[in-house]
Amino acid sequence: MTTPDRANDSAASADSASAPAAKPRKDPHELPDVSGLTVGVLGGTGPQGRGLAYRLAKAGQAVVIGSRSAERAGTAAAELAELPGGAGVRGADNATTAAESDIVIVAVPWEGHGDLLTALREQLAGKIVVDCVNPLGFDKKGAYALKPAEGSAAEQAAALLPDSRVTAAFHHLSAVLLQDPEIEKIDTDVLVLGEEREATDIVQALAGRIDGMRGVFAGRLRNAHQVESLVANLISVNRRYKAHAGLRITDV
């Protein structure tokens, strides 16, 4: 005789057997090959953008430096090309850089951030946009974080670029170290934030192309303010210890 409990157990077993197997969880350390992608750097003539352009070119990426002036961008690209591993960098105006790149890094001063992205909305549509802008103020006490109305520079970018795949990364890098051809490795992790797993995986992989770096997923864009603000603390560290501090995440 089959009891109701046994009947239910049998039915549950049958349902379990017929149910599709759970999809295996993706290994977070498995990242895509991004070696064939062209990277554009808006603000590529400034210290941070120039340093990122150099390191990515040295890693083998095709890099386009963007500037309001194509001539100025071309001059910066020619200077980088003379450095060890700097070949493969070219310059263009911002609109051309955005249109011709697969991934676009935004490394402009905070004061011009919103206006630039608004002007390039069409060219950036469909692109992965990596915002590394840190809204900071400075006074006699040192650097301090500003809080944009949208919450962060990255969230402002997402609001202004609804058709782009906005991520946030590369905030905590020393422009001095990035630009120094005598330094082989940049010993740091890069915190990557965004809404799409595919986009953040690509940016993590891009960070990992630079010798010594590792990209680490650090949450959604709503958490970008903390990451941007931490730069003010690193500036204080660097001033006190005469250093070029970076970050490492343990146990990952």
Protein backbone atom coordinates (compact mmCIF):
# COMPACT_ATOMS: atom_id res chain seq x y z
CA MET A 1 0.00 0.00 0.00
CA THR A 2 1.34 3.43 -0.96
CA THR A 3 0.74 6.13 1.61
CA PRO A 4 -0.02 9.73 0.56
CA ASP A 5 3.43 10.77 1.83
CA ARG A 6 5.14 8.12 -0.30
CA ALA A 7 3.07 9.13 -3.30
CA ASN A 8 4.10 12.73 -2.84
CA ASP A 9 7.73 11.69 -2.49
CA SER A 10 7.51 9.68 -5.70
CA ALA A 11 5.93 12.59 -7.56
CA ALA A 12 8.59 14.95 -6.27
CA SER A 13 11.32 12.57 -7.39
CA ALA A 14 9.76 12.33 -10.85
CA ASP A 15 9.52 16.13 -11.11
CA SER A 16 13.14 16.46 -9.99
CA ALA A 17 14.29 13.95 -12.58
CA SER A 18 12.47 15.74 -15.39
CA ALA A 19 13.52 19.26 -14.33
CA PRO A 20 16.41 20.80 -16.26
CA ALA A 21 19.75 20.68 -14.48
CA ALA A 22 20.78 23.89 -12.73
CA LYS A 23 23.10 25.99 -14.86
CA PRO A 24 26.63 25.79 -13.41
CA ARG A 25 27.82 28.99 -11.84
CA LYS A 26 30.28 30.89 -13.99
CA ASP A 27 33.83 31.00 -12.69
CA PRO A 28 34.48 34.69 -11.87
CA HIS A 29 38.13 34.25 -12.83
CA GLU A 30 37.26 33.21 -16.39
CA LEU A 31 37.37 36.39 -18.46
CA PRO A 32 37.06 36.99 -22.21
CA ASP A 33 39.86 37.64 -24.69
CA VAL A 34 39.91 41.38 -25.34
CA SER A 35 43.22 41.56 -27.17
CA GLY A 36 41.59 42.44 -30.49
CA LEU A 37 39.52 45.37 -29.19
CA THR A 38 40.36 49.01 -29.90
CA VAL A 39 40.40 51.22 -26.81
CA GLY A 40 39.68 54.92 -27.03
CA VAL A 41 40.76 57.27 -24.23
CA LEU A 42 38.83 60.52 -23.97
CA GLY A 43 41.09 62.94 -22.16
CA GLY A 44 44.06 60.98 -23.45
CA THR A 45 46.33 64.01 -23.42
CA GLY A 46 45.94 64.48 -19.65
CA PRO A 47 48.18 62.64 -17.16
CA GLN A 48 45.76 59.83 -16.27
CA GLY A 49 44.49 59.25 -19.79
CA ARG A 50 47.94 59.44 -21.29
CA GLY A 51 49.26 56.94 -18.76
CA LEU A 52 46.42 54.49 -19.39
CA ALA A 53 46.90 54.82 -23.15
CA TYR A 54 50.59 54.03 -22.79
CA ARG A 55 50.05 50.99 -20.56
CA LEU A 56 47.33 49.54 -22.77
CA ALA A 57 49.42 50.06 -25.90
CA LYS A 58 52.35 48.40 -24.16
CA ALA A 59 50.05 45.46 -23.42
CA GLY A 60 49.29 45.14 -27.13
CA GLN A 61 45.95 46.94 -27.42
CA ALA A 62 45.18 49.24 -30.32
CA VAL A 63 44.67 52.64 -28.65
CA VAL A 64 43.19 55.93 -29.85
CA ILE A 65 43.91 59.05 -27.82
CA GLY A 66 41.07 61.55 -27.92
CA SER A 67 41.19 65.30 -27.40
CA ARG A 68 39.19 68.36 -28.37
CA SER A 69 42.09 69.04 -30.74
CA ALA A 70 43.05 66.28 -33.16
CA GLU A 71 46.44 67.95 -33.55
CA ARG A 72 47.08 67.87 -29.83
CA ALA A 73 46.01 64.23 -29.67
CA GLY A 74 48.33 63.39 -32.56
CA THR A 75 51.26 65.04 -30.81
CA ALA A 76 50.62 63.08 -27.61
CA ALA A 77 50.30 59.83 -29.57
CA ALA A 78 53.58 60.49 -31.37
CA GLU A 79 55.32 61.10 -28.04
CA LEU A 80 53.97 57.86 -26.60
CA ALA A 81 55.01 55.96 -29.71
CA GLU A 82 58.63 56.89 -28.96
CA LEU A 83 58.49 55.16 -25.56
CA PRO A 84 59.27 51.44 -25.18
CA GLY A 85 56.14 49.52 -26.16
CA GLY A 86 54.23 52.68 -27.09
CA ALA A 87 53.71 51.80 -30.73
CA GLY A 88 50.11 51.32 -31.79
CA VAL A 89 48.80 54.59 -30.34
CA ARG A 90 47.19 57.13 -32.61
CA GLY A 91 45.42 60.40 -31.98
CA ALA A 92 42.07 61.85 -33.08
CA ASP A 93 39.44 64.30 -31.94
CA ASN A 94 37.03 63.11 -29.28
CA ALA A 95 34.16 62.33 -31.65
CA THR A 96 36.34 60.23 -33.95
CA THR A 97 37.88 58.44 -30.98
CA ALA A 98 34.46 57.53 -29.62
CA ALA A 99 33.15 56.38 -32.99
CA GLU A 100 36.16 54.23 -33.91
CA SER A 101 36.73 52.46 -30.57
CA ASP A 102 35.15 49.31 -29.13
CA ILE A 103 35.72 50.40 -25.52
CA VAL A 104 35.93 54.05 -24.51
CA ILE A 105 37.63 55.19 -21.30
CA VAL A 106 36.52 58.57 -19.96
CA ALA A 107 39.47 60.25 -18.24
CA VAL A 108 38.55 63.92 -18.45
CA PRO A 109 38.44 66.48 -15.62
CA TRP A 110 35.23 66.37 -13.61
CA GLU A 111 34.34 69.92 -14.61
CA GLY A 112 33.95 68.94 -18.27
CA HIS A 113 32.54 65.44 -17.73
CA GLY A 114 28.85 66.05 -18.31
CA ASP A 115 29.21 68.36 -21.30
CA LEU A 116 31.58 66.00 -23.11
CA LEU A 117 29.38 62.93 -22.66
CA THR A 118 26.28 64.82 -23.73
CA ALA A 119 28.05 65.90 -26.92
CA LEU A 120 29.19 62.34 -27.69
CA ARG A 121 25.97 60.50 -26.90
CA GLU A 122 25.46 59.37 -30.50
CA GLN A 123 29.05 58.18 -31.02
CA LEU A 124 29.04 56.29 -27.72
CA ALA A 125 25.76 54.47 -28.32
CA GLY A 126 26.22 50.72 -27.98
CA LYS A 127 29.78 51.07 -26.68
CA ILE A 128 31.24 49.95 -23.38
CA VAL A 129 32.08 53.22 -21.64
CA VAL A 130 34.53 53.03 -18.73
CA ASP A 131 34.25 56.05 -16.46
CA CYS A 132 37.32 56.68 -14.29
CA VAL A 133 36.54 60.27 -13.33
CA ASN A 134 36.88 61.23 -9.66
CA PRO A 135 34.79 64.24 -8.57
CA LEU A 136 37.10 65.92 -6.07
CA GLY A 137 37.53 69.29 -4.47
CA PHE A 138 40.68 70.75 -2.92
CA ASP A 139 41.20 73.24 -0.13
CA LYS A 140 43.89 73.97 2.45
CA LYS A 141 43.02 70.72 4.24
CA GLY A 142 43.64 68.67 1.10
CA ALA A 143 41.46 66.64 -1.25
CA TYR A 144 37.84 65.84 -0.47
CA ALA A 145 35.08 64.01 -2.32
CA LEU A 146 32.28 65.80 -4.14
CA LYS A 147 28.91 64.10 -4.58
CA PRO A 148 27.21 64.70 -7.93
CA ALA A 149 23.44 65.03 -8.06
CA GLU A 150 23.24 61.62 -9.74
CA GLY A 151 25.29 60.05 -6.96
CA SER A 152 28.63 59.62 -8.74
CA ALA A 153 30.42 60.44 -11.97
CA ALA A 154 29.63 56.94 -13.24
CA GLU A 155 25.94 57.34 -12.50
CA GLN A 156 25.96 60.69 -14.24
CA ALA A 157 27.51 58.97 -17.26
CA ALA A 158 24.82 56.28 -17.20
CA ALA A 159 22.09 58.93 -17.05
CA LEU A 160 23.58 60.88 -19.95
CA LEU A 161 24.32 57.79 -22.05
CA PRO A 162 21.21 55.62 -21.90
CA ASP A 163 22.24 53.69 -25.01
CA SER A 164 25.75 52.92 -23.77
CA ARG A 165 27.02 50.15 -21.49
CA VAL A 166 28.49 52.24 -18.70
CA THR A 167 31.00 50.79 -16.24
CA ALA A 168 33.36 52.36 -13.71
CA ALA A 169 37.04 51.43 -13.29
CA PHE A 170 40.68 52.64 -13.19
CA HIS A 171 40.05 55.25 -10.48
CA HIS A 172 42.94 54.48 -8.13
CA LEU A 173 45.91 54.49 -10.48
CA SER A 174 48.91 56.77 -10.15
CA ALA A 175 49.40 58.82 -13.30
CA VAL A 176 53.08 59.14 -12.38
CA LEU A 177 53.57 55.36 -12.37
CA LEU A 178 51.48 54.82 -15.47
CA GLN A 179 53.57 57.23 -17.53
CA ASP A 180 56.99 56.08 -16.30
CA PRO A 181 58.56 53.76 -18.92
CA GLU A 182 61.12 52.60 -16.34
CA ILE A 183 58.38 50.90 -14.31
CA GLU A 184 57.56 47.47 -15.71
CA LYS A 185 54.61 46.52 -13.50
CA ILE A 186 51.79 48.50 -11.91
CA ASP A 187 51.16 46.60 -8.67
CA THR A 188 47.45 47.17 -8.04
CA ASP A 189 43.94 45.84 -8.35
CA VAL A 190 41.33 47.69 -10.38
CA LEU A 191 37.82 47.81 -8.95
CA VAL A 192 35.22 47.41 -11.72
CA LEU A 193 31.55 48.32 -11.28
CA GLY A 194 28.61 48.04 -13.63
CA GLU A 195 25.17 46.65 -14.35
CA GLU A 196 26.04 44.05 -17.01
CA ARG A 197 28.13 40.97 -16.26
CA GLU A 198 29.43 40.80 -19.83
CA ALA A 199 30.56 44.44 -19.78
CA THR A 200 32.28 44.23 -16.40
CA ASP A 201 34.00 40.99 -17.41
CA ILE A 202 35.40 42.73 -20.49
CA VAL A 203 36.68 45.66 -18.44
CA GLN A 204 38.21 43.31 -15.86
CA ALA A 205 39.97 41.49 -18.69
CA LEU A 206 41.21 44.78 -20.10
CA ALA A 207 42.68 45.76 -16.73
CA GLY A 208 44.37 42.37 -16.53
CA ARG A 209 46.17 43.02 -19.79
CA ILE A 210 48.34 45.61 -18.03
CA ASP A 211 51.32 43.96 -16.37
CA GLY A 212 50.79 43.74 -12.60
CA MET A 213 47.12 44.70 -12.63
CA ARG A 214 44.03 42.65 -11.92
CA GLY A 215 40.40 43.59 -12.48
CA VAL A 216 38.05 42.78 -9.59
CA PHE A 217 34.26 43.13 -9.75
CA ALA A 218 33.13 45.52 -6.99
CA GLY A 219 29.38 45.92 -7.41
CA ARG A 220 26.83 47.94 -9.33
CA LEU A 221 27.06 51.58 -10.29
CA ARG A 222 25.13 52.68 -7.21
CA ASN A 223 28.32 51.87 -5.27
CA ALA A 224 30.58 53.95 -7.51
CA HIS A 225 30.58 56.98 -5.20
CA GLN A 226 32.57 55.16 -2.52
CA VAL A 227 35.13 54.03 -5.08
CA GLU A 228 35.50 57.50 -6.59
CA SER A 229 35.70 59.10 -3.13
CA LEU A 230 38.48 56.78 -1.96
CA VAL A 231 40.86 58.65 -4.25
CA ALA A 232 40.81 61.54 -1.78
CA ASN A 233 42.10 59.15 0.89
CA LEU A 234 44.82 57.83 -1.41
CA ILE A 235 45.95 61.38 -2.14
CA SER A 236 46.35 61.90 1.61
CA VAL A 237 48.32 58.64 1.88
CA ASN A 238 50.59 59.66 -0.98
CA ARG A 239 51.26 63.10 0.45
CA ARG A 240 52.10 61.80 3.91
CA TYR A 241 54.32 58.93 2.77
CA LYS A 242 55.68 60.40 -0.49
CA ALA A 243 54.26 57.37 -2.29
CA HIS A 244 52.10 56.34 -5.25
CA ALA A 245 49.71 54.05 -3.40
CA GLY A 246 47.37 51.55 -5.03
CA LEU A 247 44.95 48.90 -3.77
CA ARG A 248 45.03 45.14 -3.36
CA ILE A 249 41.97 43.01 -2.51
CA THR A 250 42.87 39.97 -0.40
CA ASP A 251 41.42 36.44 -0.49
CA VAL A 252 40.02 36.75 -4.02
